[in-house]
């Protein structure tokens, strides 16, 4: 416990103002996501944009994470446009369950992405955790794709990614980011339950 406490103090001491901005908007983004609010995207764009720049700097050299955040940035722009679409009978794109094809696509993204991330990390980086790091990134990519399409199951994939990321972050002594990920994991549980209820109510009213 003392090592953990000292690690948290060290993390707070070393945290830059850019990291603080990224964390702040990441928290806002997941809260908006939980509430099914389109502001999930502008706040997410700020957070991922800062993280993309920050993690690619010479001091950190976390190029895989920077690439993942760049993907988040692109998907956030796509998702913002997709969510804002107006239909003839719906005020916006509704929350729905994933179709079988969408689930298979998400699984393909996760497994295919895992293989690609592992290969790149294993052969073109000095990462000592290419399997776990690759899985975290790939599962998050699949979850973000489903989120952009406003599908209920996005929470499951994102939380699988978070669950694996938490011990990995502690192992890497990234204590503050690990605590943020625990927070995101808890919020995602409630987000899934709220979205599931929204889907159930919609299915009842539109059988």
C-alpha atoms as a PDB file:
ATOM      1  CA  UNK A   1       0.000   0.000   0.000  1.00  0.00           C
ATOM      2  CA  UNK A   2       2.862   2.358   0.763  1.00  0.00           C
ATOM      3  CA  UNK A   3       4.329   1.741  -2.702  1.00  0.00           C
ATOM      4  CA  UNK A   4       0.957   2.506  -4.263  1.00  0.00           C
ATOM      5  CA  UNK A   5       0.618   5.691  -2.209  1.00  0.00           C
ATOM      6  CA  UNK A   6       4.113   6.818  -3.149  1.00  0.00           C
ATOM      7  CA  UNK A   7       3.389   6.040  -6.767  1.00  0.00           C
ATOM      8  CA  UNK A   8       0.246   8.176  -6.707  1.00  0.00           C
ATOM      9  CA  UNK A   9       2.171  11.070  -5.187  1.00  0.00           C
ATOM     10  CA  UNK A  10       4.860  10.715  -7.824  1.00  0.00           C
ATOM     11  CA  UNK A  11       2.233  10.597 -10.552  1.00  0.00           C
ATOM     12  CA  UNK A  12       0.594  13.776  -9.286  1.00  0.00           C
ATOM     13  CA  UNK A  13       3.966  15.500  -9.100  1.00  0.00           C
ATOM     14  CA  UNK A  14       4.897  14.493 -12.651  1.00  0.00           C
ATOM     15  CA  UNK A  15       1.510  15.191 -14.239  1.00  0.00           C
ATOM     16  CA  UNK A  16       1.749  17.983 -16.799  1.00  0.00           C
ATOM     17  CA  UNK A  17      -0.975  20.519 -17.468  1.00  0.00           C
ATOM     18  CA  UNK A  18      -1.583  18.821 -20.827  1.00  0.00           C
ATOM     19  CA  UNK A  19      -2.177  15.490 -19.103  1.00  0.00           C
ATOM     20  CA  UNK A  20      -4.522  17.238 -16.677  1.00  0.00           C
ATOM     21  CA  UNK A  21      -6.554  18.648 -19.578  1.00  0.00           C
ATOM     22  CA  UNK A  22      -6.681  15.237 -21.268  1.00  0.00           C
ATOM     23  CA  UNK A  23      -7.835  13.490 -18.081  1.00  0.00           C
ATOM     24  CA  UNK A  24     -10.435  16.189 -17.321  1.00  0.00           C
ATOM     25  CA  UNK A  25     -12.051  15.958 -20.761  1.00  0.00           C
ATOM     26  CA  UNK A  26     -11.824  12.152 -20.729  1.00  0.00           C
ATOM     27  CA  UNK A  27     -13.889  12.119 -17.542  1.00  0.00           C
ATOM     28  CA  UNK A  28     -16.413  14.555 -19.030  1.00  0.00           C
ATOM     29  CA  UNK A  29     -16.624  12.458 -22.191  1.00  0.00           C
ATOM     30  CA  UNK A  30     -17.448   9.201 -20.416  1.00  0.00           C
ATOM     31  CA  UNK A  31     -20.058  10.959 -18.250  1.00  0.00           C
ATOM     32  CA  UNK A  32     -21.723  12.338 -21.411  1.00  0.00           C
ATOM     33  CA  UNK A  33     -21.473   8.862 -22.966  1.00  0.00           C
ATOM     34  CA  UNK A  34     -23.219   7.333 -19.954  1.00  0.00           C
ATOM     35  CA  UNK A  35     -26.008   9.918 -20.282  1.00  0.00           C
ATOM     36  CA  UNK A  36     -26.340   9.232 -24.028  1.00  0.00           C
ATOM     37  CA  UNK A  37     -25.394  12.864 -24.728  1.00  0.00           C
ATOM     38  CA  UNK A  38     -23.824  13.919 -28.019  1.00  0.00           C
ATOM     39  CA  UNK A  39     -21.310  16.032 -26.075  1.00  0.00           C
ATOM     40  CA  UNK A  40     -19.427  12.744 -25.626  1.00  0.00           C
ATOM     41  CA  UNK A  41     -17.785  13.577 -28.940  1.00  0.00           C
ATOM     42  CA  UNK A  42     -16.515  17.177 -28.666  1.00  0.00           C
ATOM     43  CA  UNK A  43     -15.138  16.435 -25.196  1.00  0.00           C
ATOM     44  CA  UNK A  44     -13.666  13.174 -26.460  1.00  0.00           C
ATOM     45  CA  UNK A  45     -12.065  14.961 -29.413  1.00  0.00           C
ATOM     46  CA  UNK A  46     -10.283  17.362 -27.056  1.00  0.00           C
ATOM     47  CA  UNK A  47      -9.067  14.552 -24.799  1.00  0.00           C
ATOM     48  CA  UNK A  48      -7.903  12.241 -27.582  1.00  0.00           C
ATOM     49  CA  UNK A  49      -6.317  15.105 -29.497  1.00  0.00           C
ATOM     50  CA  UNK A  50      -4.230  16.081 -26.483  1.00  0.00           C
ATOM     51  CA  UNK A  51      -3.315  12.459 -25.738  1.00  0.00           C
ATOM     52  CA  UNK A  52      -2.293  11.872 -29.375  1.00  0.00           C
ATOM     53  CA  UNK A  53       0.138  14.776 -29.178  1.00  0.00           C
ATOM     54  CA  UNK A  54       1.322  14.032 -25.647  1.00  0.00           C
ATOM     55  CA  UNK A  55       2.001  10.308 -26.013  1.00  0.00           C
ATOM     56  CA  UNK A  56       3.910  10.761 -29.273  1.00  0.00           C
ATOM     57  CA  UNK A  57       6.433  13.113 -27.703  1.00  0.00           C
ATOM     58  CA  UNK A  58      10.059  12.067 -27.242  1.00  0.00           C
ATOM     59  CA  UNK A  59       9.634  11.938 -23.461  1.00  0.00           C
ATOM     60  CA  UNK A  60       6.932   9.230 -23.570  1.00  0.00           C
ATOM     61  CA  UNK A  61       7.434   7.326 -26.860  1.00  0.00           C
ATOM     62  CA  UNK A  62       4.085   5.561 -26.445  1.00  0.00           C
ATOM     63  CA  UNK A  63       3.504   5.422 -30.171  1.00  0.00           C
ATOM     64  CA  UNK A  64       0.928   2.605 -30.096  1.00  0.00           C
ATOM     65  CA  UNK A  65      -1.195   4.488 -27.560  1.00  0.00           C
ATOM     66  CA  UNK A  66      -0.777   7.672 -29.578  1.00  0.00           C
ATOM     67  CA  UNK A  67      -1.985   5.831 -32.684  1.00  0.00           C
ATOM     68  CA  UNK A  68      -4.970   4.440 -30.759  1.00  0.00           C
ATOM     69  CA  UNK A  69      -5.904   7.932 -29.586  1.00  0.00           C
ATOM     70  CA  UNK A  70      -5.610   9.197 -33.156  1.00  0.00           C
ATOM     71  CA  UNK A  71      -8.087   6.442 -34.115  1.00  0.00           C
ATOM     72  CA  UNK A  72     -10.353   7.577 -31.280  1.00  0.00           C
ATOM     73  CA  UNK A  73     -10.110  11.106 -32.643  1.00  0.00           C
ATOM     74  CA  UNK A  74     -11.190  10.053 -36.137  1.00  0.00           C
ATOM     75  CA  UNK A  75     -14.003   7.845 -34.789  1.00  0.00           C
ATOM     76  CA  UNK A  76     -15.164  10.689 -32.542  1.00  0.00           C
ATOM     77  CA  UNK A  77     -15.560  12.963 -35.571  1.00  0.00           C
ATOM     78  CA  UNK A  78     -17.419  10.174 -37.416  1.00  0.00           C
ATOM     79  CA  UNK A  79     -19.575   9.415 -34.387  1.00  0.00           C
ATOM     80  CA  UNK A  80     -20.441  13.080 -33.856  1.00  0.00           C
ATOM     81  CA  UNK A  81     -21.679  13.326 -37.453  1.00  0.00           C
ATOM     82  CA  UNK A  82     -23.511   9.973 -37.223  1.00  0.00           C
ATOM     83  CA  UNK A  83     -25.261  10.815 -33.959  1.00  0.00           C
ATOM     84  CA  UNK A  84     -26.333  14.223 -35.251  1.00  0.00           C
ATOM     85  CA  UNK A  85     -28.157  12.799 -38.280  1.00  0.00           C
ATOM     86  CA  UNK A  86     -31.830  13.667 -38.446  1.00  0.00           C
ATOM     87  CA  UNK A  87     -34.285  11.101 -39.747  1.00  0.00           C
ATOM     88  CA  UNK A  88     -37.921  11.436 -40.845  1.00  0.00           C
ATOM     89  CA  UNK A  89     -39.240   9.729 -37.721  1.00  0.00           C
ATOM     90  CA  UNK A  90     -36.374   9.935 -35.219  1.00  0.00           C
ATOM     91  CA  UNK A  91     -34.880  13.105 -33.701  1.00  0.00           C
ATOM     92  CA  UNK A  92     -31.436  11.450 -33.809  1.00  0.00           C
ATOM     93  CA  UNK A  93     -29.803   8.068 -34.269  1.00  0.00           C
ATOM     94  CA  UNK A  94     -31.391   5.859 -31.570  1.00  0.00           C
ATOM     95  CA  UNK A  95     -29.595   3.514 -29.191  1.00  0.00           C
ATOM     96  CA  UNK A  96     -30.066  -0.036 -30.446  1.00  0.00           C
ATOM     97  CA  UNK A  97     -28.713  -3.543 -30.015  1.00  0.00           C
ATOM     98  CA  UNK A  98     -26.044  -4.625 -32.474  1.00  0.00           C
ATOM     99  CA  UNK A  99     -27.131  -6.796 -35.371  1.00  0.00           C
ATOM    100  CA  UNK A 100     -25.415 -10.144 -35.923  1.00  0.00           C
ATOM    101  CA  UNK A 101     -23.333  -8.641 -38.743  1.00  0.00           C
ATOM    102  CA  UNK A 102     -22.291  -5.718 -36.564  1.00  0.00           C
ATOM    103  CA  UNK A 103     -21.249  -8.069 -33.753  1.00  0.00           C
ATOM    104  CA  UNK A 104     -19.189 -10.173 -36.153  1.00  0.00           C
ATOM    105  CA  UNK A 105     -17.609  -7.008 -37.540  1.00  0.00           C
ATOM    106  CA  UNK A 106     -16.730  -5.858 -34.023  1.00  0.00           C
ATOM    107  CA  UNK A 107     -15.229  -9.268 -33.223  1.00  0.00           C
ATOM    108  CA  UNK A 108     -13.221  -9.136 -36.452  1.00  0.00           C
ATOM    109  CA  UNK A 109     -11.944  -5.651 -35.564  1.00  0.00           C
ATOM    110  CA  UNK A 110     -10.964  -6.855 -32.085  1.00  0.00           C
ATOM    111  CA  UNK A 111      -9.211 -10.074 -33.152  1.00  0.00           C
ATOM    112  CA  UNK A 112      -7.696  -8.694 -36.340  1.00  0.00           C
ATOM    113  CA  UNK A 113      -6.593  -5.547 -34.565  1.00  0.00           C
ATOM    114  CA  UNK A 114      -5.071  -7.604 -31.751  1.00  0.00           C
ATOM    115  CA  UNK A 115      -2.974  -9.569 -34.245  1.00  0.00           C
ATOM    116  CA  UNK A 116      -1.831  -6.403 -36.026  1.00  0.00           C
ATOM    117  CA  UNK A 117      -1.011  -4.521 -32.810  1.00  0.00           C
ATOM    118  CA  UNK A 118       0.851  -7.552 -31.429  1.00  0.00           C
ATOM    119  CA  UNK A 119       2.894  -7.948 -34.598  1.00  0.00           C
ATOM    120  CA  UNK A 120       3.858  -4.263 -34.736  1.00  0.00           C
ATOM    121  CA  UNK A 121       4.635  -4.042 -31.031  1.00  0.00           C
ATOM    122  CA  UNK A 122       6.547  -7.325 -31.057  1.00  0.00           C
ATOM    123  CA  UNK A 123       8.694  -6.606 -34.105  1.00  0.00           C
ATOM    124  CA  UNK A 124       8.868  -2.810 -34.379  1.00  0.00           C
ATOM    125  CA  UNK A 125       8.942  -1.565 -30.789  1.00  0.00           C
ATOM    126  CA  UNK A 126      10.691  -2.258 -27.511  1.00  0.00           C
ATOM    127  CA  UNK A 127       7.416  -3.103 -25.726  1.00  0.00           C
ATOM    128  CA  UNK A 128       7.696  -5.859 -23.110  1.00  0.00           C
ATOM    129  CA  UNK A 129       3.909  -6.398 -22.990  1.00  0.00           C
ATOM    130  CA  UNK A 130       2.893  -6.661 -26.673  1.00  0.00           C
ATOM    131  CA  UNK A 131       0.123  -9.243 -26.052  1.00  0.00           C
ATOM    132  CA  UNK A 132      -1.741  -7.295 -23.362  1.00  0.00           C
ATOM    133  CA  UNK A 133      -1.060  -3.885 -24.889  1.00  0.00           C
ATOM    134  CA  UNK A 134      -2.264  -5.091 -28.269  1.00  0.00           C
ATOM    135  CA  UNK A 135      -5.426  -6.627 -26.800  1.00  0.00           C
ATOM    136  CA  UNK A 136      -6.335  -3.472 -24.866  1.00  0.00           C
ATOM    137  CA  UNK A 137      -5.999  -1.349 -27.991  1.00  0.00           C
ATOM    138  CA  UNK A 138      -7.853  -3.771 -30.280  1.00  0.00           C
ATOM    139  CA  UNK A 139     -10.818  -4.278 -27.934  1.00  0.00           C
ATOM    140  CA  UNK A 140     -11.074  -0.517 -27.474  1.00  0.00           C
ATOM    141  CA  UNK A 141     -11.061  -0.015 -31.262  1.00  0.00           C
ATOM    142  CA  UNK A 142     -13.974  -2.441 -31.651  1.00  0.00           C
ATOM    143  CA  UNK A 143     -15.877  -0.806 -28.794  1.00  0.00           C
ATOM    144  CA  UNK A 144     -15.366   2.668 -30.232  1.00  0.00           C
ATOM    145  CA  UNK A 145     -16.705   1.490 -33.598  1.00  0.00           C
ATOM    146  CA  UNK A 146     -19.905   0.268 -31.933  1.00  0.00           C
ATOM    147  CA  UNK A 147     -20.161   3.477 -29.891  1.00  0.00           C
ATOM    148  CA  UNK A 148     -19.995   5.535 -33.072  1.00  0.00           C
ATOM    149  CA  UNK A 149     -22.977   3.520 -34.364  1.00  0.00           C
ATOM    150  CA  UNK A 150     -24.733   3.983 -31.010  1.00  0.00           C
ATOM    151  CA  UNK A 151     -24.911   0.271 -30.248  1.00  0.00           C
ATOM    152  CA  UNK A 152     -25.527  -1.050 -26.728  1.00  0.00           C
ATOM    153  CA  UNK A 153     -22.724  -3.613 -26.829  1.00  0.00           C
ATOM    154  CA  UNK A 154     -20.027  -0.926 -27.128  1.00  0.00           C
ATOM    155  CA  UNK A 155     -19.932  -0.805 -23.319  1.00  0.00           C
ATOM    156  CA  UNK A 156     -19.050  -4.499 -23.090  1.00  0.00           C
ATOM    157  CA  UNK A 157     -16.059  -4.257 -25.396  1.00  0.00           C
ATOM    158  CA  UNK A 158     -14.835  -1.012 -23.870  1.00  0.00           C
ATOM    159  CA  UNK A 159     -15.019  -2.494 -20.390  1.00  0.00           C
ATOM    160  CA  UNK A 160     -13.219  -5.662 -21.448  1.00  0.00           C
ATOM    161  CA  UNK A 161     -10.467  -3.331 -22.662  1.00  0.00           C
ATOM    162  CA  UNK A 162     -10.556  -1.368 -19.391  1.00  0.00           C
ATOM    163  CA  UNK A 163     -10.448  -4.536 -17.288  1.00  0.00           C
ATOM    164  CA  UNK A 164      -7.254  -5.735 -18.968  1.00  0.00           C
ATOM    165  CA  UNK A 165      -5.764  -2.220 -19.005  1.00  0.00           C
ATOM    166  CA  UNK A 166      -6.024  -1.661 -15.233  1.00  0.00           C
ATOM    167  CA  UNK A 167      -3.400  -4.222 -14.093  1.00  0.00           C
ATOM    168  CA  UNK A 168      -1.258  -3.329 -17.114  1.00  0.00           C
ATOM    169  CA  UNK A 169      -1.215   0.337 -16.113  1.00  0.00           C
ATOM    170  CA  UNK A 170      -0.347  -0.491 -12.508  1.00  0.00           C
ATOM    171  CA  UNK A 171       2.450  -2.744 -13.785  1.00  0.00           C
ATOM    172  CA  UNK A 172       3.765   0.194 -15.820  1.00  0.00           C
ATOM    173  CA  UNK A 173       3.507   2.454 -12.710  1.00  0.00           C
ATOM    174  CA  UNK A 174       0.991   4.701 -14.455  1.00  0.00           C
ATOM    175  CA  UNK A 175      -1.007   5.011 -11.263  1.00  0.00           C
ATOM    176  CA  UNK A 176      -3.094   8.066 -12.149  1.00  0.00           C
ATOM    177  CA  UNK A 177      -4.122   6.672 -15.508  1.00  0.00           C
ATOM    178  CA  UNK A 178      -4.918   3.347 -13.814  1.00  0.00           C
ATOM    179  CA  UNK A 179      -7.207   5.119 -11.338  1.00  0.00           C
ATOM    180  CA  UNK A 180      -8.856   6.996 -14.214  1.00  0.00           C
ATOM    181  CA  UNK A 181      -9.421   3.653 -15.964  1.00  0.00           C
ATOM    182  CA  UNK A 182     -11.023   2.197 -12.817  1.00  0.00           C
ATOM    183  CA  UNK A 183     -13.340   5.210 -12.766  1.00  0.00           C
ATOM    184  CA  UNK A 184     -14.160   4.703 -16.449  1.00  0.00           C
ATOM    185  CA  UNK A 185     -14.825   1.010 -15.778  1.00  0.00           C
ATOM    186  CA  UNK A 186     -17.355   1.809 -13.044  1.00  0.00           C
ATOM    187  CA  UNK A 187     -19.054   4.504 -15.110  1.00  0.00           C
ATOM    188  CA  UNK A 188     -19.260   2.100 -18.057  1.00  0.00           C
ATOM    189  CA  UNK A 189     -21.164  -0.442 -15.947  1.00  0.00           C
ATOM    190  CA  UNK A 190     -23.839   2.125 -15.139  1.00  0.00           C
ATOM    191  CA  UNK A 191     -23.760   3.352 -18.738  1.00  0.00           C
ATOM    192  CA  UNK A 192     -24.496  -0.144 -20.013  1.00  0.00           C
ATOM    193  CA  UNK A 193     -27.404  -0.551 -17.591  1.00  0.00           C
ATOM    194  CA  UNK A 194     -28.919   2.798 -18.581  1.00  0.00           C
ATOM    195  CA  UNK A 195     -28.529   2.157 -22.301  1.00  0.00           C
ATOM    196  CA  UNK A 196     -29.997  -1.334 -21.889  1.00  0.00           C
ATOM    197  CA  UNK A 197     -33.055   0.150 -20.198  1.00  0.00           C
ATOM    198  CA  UNK A 198     -33.379   2.679 -23.023  1.00  0.00           C
ATOM    199  CA  UNK A 199     -33.261  -0.138 -25.566  1.00  0.00           C
ATOM    200  CA  UNK A 200     -35.853  -2.159 -23.630  1.00  0.00           C
ATOM    201  CA  UNK A 201     -38.230   0.781 -23.442  1.00  0.00           C
ATOM    202  CA  UNK A 202     -37.802   1.384 -27.162  1.00  0.00           C
ATOM    203  CA  UNK A 203     -38.467  -2.292 -27.924  1.00  0.00           C
ATOM    204  CA  UNK A 204     -41.622  -2.192 -25.800  1.00  0.00           C
ATOM    205  CA  UNK A 205     -42.942   0.939 -27.512  1.00  0.00           C
ATOM    206  CA  UNK A 206     -41.840  -0.260 -30.996  1.00  0.00           C
ATOM    207  CA  UNK A 207     -42.348  -4.052 -30.940  1.00  0.00           C
END
